[in-house]
Protein backbone atom coordinates (compact mmCIF):
# COMPACT_ATOMS: atom_id res chain seq x y z
CA MET A 1 44.84 51.65 -97.10
CA ALA A 2 47.58 53.32 -95.14
CA ALA A 3 50.57 51.18 -94.35
CA SER A 4 50.82 50.32 -90.69
CA LEU A 5 52.22 47.56 -88.56
CA LEU A 6 48.93 45.72 -89.00
CA ASP A 7 48.95 45.98 -92.80
CA THR A 8 52.27 44.32 -93.60
CA ALA A 9 52.82 41.17 -95.62
CA PHE A 10 53.97 39.41 -92.45
CA GLU A 11 50.76 40.27 -90.60
CA ALA A 12 48.78 39.14 -93.68
CA GLU A 13 50.61 35.80 -93.47
CA LEU A 14 49.34 35.33 -89.92
CA ARG A 15 45.80 36.30 -90.93
CA ALA A 16 45.98 33.96 -93.94
CA LEU A 17 47.08 31.11 -91.67
CA VAL A 18 44.06 31.72 -89.44
CA PHE A 19 41.72 31.65 -92.44
CA LEU A 20 43.33 28.50 -93.84
CA PHE A 21 43.05 26.92 -90.38
CA LEU A 22 39.31 27.66 -90.26
CA LEU A 23 38.48 26.71 -93.84
CA ASP A 24 38.16 23.11 -94.89
CA GLU A 25 38.55 23.57 -98.63
CA PRO A 26 41.34 24.97 -100.81
CA VAL A 27 41.12 28.73 -101.43
CA ASN A 28 42.92 31.40 -103.44
CA ALA A 29 44.21 34.91 -102.73
CA ASP A 30 41.08 36.58 -104.15
CA TYR A 31 38.87 34.70 -101.70
CA LEU A 32 41.18 35.38 -98.76
CA GLY A 33 41.45 39.06 -99.70
CA ALA A 34 37.66 39.40 -99.64
CA LEU A 35 37.35 37.48 -96.35
CA ASP A 36 40.13 39.57 -94.84
CA THR A 37 38.44 42.83 -95.88
CA LEU A 38 35.17 41.66 -94.33
CA ALA A 39 36.72 40.29 -91.14
CA ILE A 40 38.77 43.42 -90.43
CA ASN A 41 35.79 45.69 -91.16
CA GLN A 42 32.86 43.66 -89.82
CA ARG A 43 30.86 46.59 -88.52
CA THR A 44 31.20 48.57 -91.73
CA PHE A 45 29.88 45.63 -93.76
CA GLY A 46 27.08 44.77 -91.34
CA ILE A 47 28.37 41.33 -90.37
CA GLY A 48 29.69 42.06 -86.90
CA SER A 49 29.80 44.56 -84.08
CA ASN A 50 33.22 46.18 -84.55
CA ASN A 51 36.05 46.97 -86.92
CA LEU A 52 39.36 45.52 -85.70
CA ASN A 53 41.49 48.36 -87.07
CA GLY A 54 39.04 51.17 -86.38
CA THR A 55 36.21 52.66 -88.38
CA HIS A 56 36.86 54.66 -91.52
CA ARG A 57 34.98 55.46 -94.69
CA LEU A 58 37.39 53.73 -97.09
CA ALA A 59 36.95 50.11 -95.92
CA ALA A 60 35.54 48.95 -99.27
CA GLY A 61 38.64 50.32 -100.99
CA GLU A 62 40.81 47.87 -99.03
CA LEU A 63 39.79 44.86 -101.13
CA ARG A 64 42.48 45.28 -103.79
CA ALA A 65 45.27 45.95 -101.29
CA ARG A 66 44.23 43.08 -99.02
CA THR A 67 44.04 40.70 -101.99
CA ALA A 68 47.56 41.70 -103.04
CA LEU A 69 48.77 41.16 -99.47
CA MET A 70 47.12 37.72 -99.39
CA SER A 71 48.80 36.81 -102.66
CA GLN A 72 52.20 37.71 -101.19
CA ALA A 73 51.32 35.92 -97.96
CA LEU A 74 50.31 32.69 -99.69
CA LYS A 75 53.55 32.63 -101.68
CA GLN A 76 55.63 33.10 -98.54
CA LEU A 77 53.59 30.58 -96.54
CA THR A 78 54.07 28.01 -99.30
CA LEU A 79 57.82 28.65 -99.44
CA SER A 80 57.93 28.28 -95.65
CA ARG A 81 55.90 25.05 -95.84
CA LEU A 82 53.15 26.49 -93.67
CA ALA A 83 50.70 26.18 -96.57
CA THR A 84 50.55 24.02 -99.63
CA PHE A 85 48.93 24.35 -103.04
CA ASP A 86 46.37 21.55 -103.33
CA THR A 87 45.26 20.32 -106.76
CA SER A 88 43.42 17.22 -105.52
CA ALA A 89 40.06 18.95 -104.98
CA GLU A 90 37.60 20.07 -107.65
CA SER A 91 38.96 23.61 -107.37
CA ALA A 92 42.67 23.96 -106.71
CA GLY A 93 43.86 26.31 -104.00
CA PHE A 94 45.88 26.72 -100.84
CA ARG A 95 45.53 24.68 -97.64
CA ILE A 96 47.27 24.92 -94.30
CA THR A 97 49.88 22.30 -93.42
CA ASP A 98 50.30 20.65 -90.02
CA GLN A 99 53.21 23.01 -89.37
CA GLY A 100 50.99 26.00 -90.22
CA ALA A 101 48.24 24.72 -87.91
CA HIS A 102 50.84 24.44 -85.14
CA ILE A 103 51.71 28.13 -85.63
CA VAL A 104 48.03 29.14 -85.43
CA ASN A 105 47.65 27.21 -82.20
CA GLN A 106 50.54 29.24 -80.75
CA LEU A 107 49.00 32.67 -81.49
CA ARG A 108 48.06 34.04 -78.08
CA SER A 109 47.99 37.83 -78.31
CA ASP A 110 44.81 39.83 -77.71
CA TYR A 111 44.77 40.91 -81.36
CA ALA A 112 45.26 37.32 -82.57
CA GLU A 113 42.31 36.15 -80.49
CA ARG A 114 40.15 39.04 -81.67
CA PHE A 115 41.07 38.34 -85.28
CA PHE A 116 40.48 34.60 -84.90
CA ASN A 117 36.99 35.33 -83.55
CA ALA A 118 36.32 37.88 -86.29
CA ALA A 119 37.48 35.44 -88.98
CA PHE A 120 35.35 32.64 -87.53
CA ASP A 121 32.29 34.90 -87.29
CA THR A 122 32.81 36.23 -90.82
CA ILE A 123 32.98 32.73 -92.26
CA ASP A 124 29.92 31.75 -90.24
CA VAL A 125 27.87 34.79 -91.32
CA THR A 126 28.86 34.62 -94.99
CA GLY A 127 28.14 30.89 -95.08
CA TYR A 128 31.22 30.02 -97.10
CA ALA A 129 29.97 32.25 -99.92
CA ASN A 130 32.07 32.37 -103.08
CA THR A 131 34.45 35.20 -103.96
CA THR A 132 31.94 36.95 -106.20
CA HIS A 133 29.34 37.08 -103.44
CA LEU A 134 31.88 38.37 -100.90
CA ALA A 135 32.98 41.08 -103.34
CA ARG A 136 29.33 42.10 -103.84
CA ILE A 137 28.95 42.60 -100.08
CA ILE A 138 32.02 44.84 -100.10
CA THR A 139 31.09 46.85 -103.20
CA SER A 140 27.48 47.32 -102.07
CA VAL A 141 28.76 49.26 -99.06
CA GLU A 142 31.08 51.24 -101.33
CA ALA A 143 28.16 52.19 -103.59
CA ALA A 144 26.03 53.18 -100.59
CA SER A 145 28.74 55.51 -99.19
């Protein structure tokens, strides 16, 4: 995945906040990395009509990089008190805080709205599937390429 303005740790923090806002259970970086890969590349993975950052043949290869970015993002969001690590549920993970939700509600750019819709649609289509299932969707496209 080539580095660009849209593939920075800061931009991953904003995408992570959107995911945490939409999800109602604690999640980890692996799960968010898989969701992020799918949401950005919906058309490639057959779960939507377009790819937010353009179409390319290496979308499946983004999983590792996007997971690493989500790991960095979750650390920074926790330090900034926009997310918290929740151990009260059956599976521990990260949740958005009220302050983080406030930030999401302030995102008004065209790209933010497109990503929010893509994230919502991805979660809806994948039915809150677990990380393993999401990774299978991604790697099945890689194997078919």
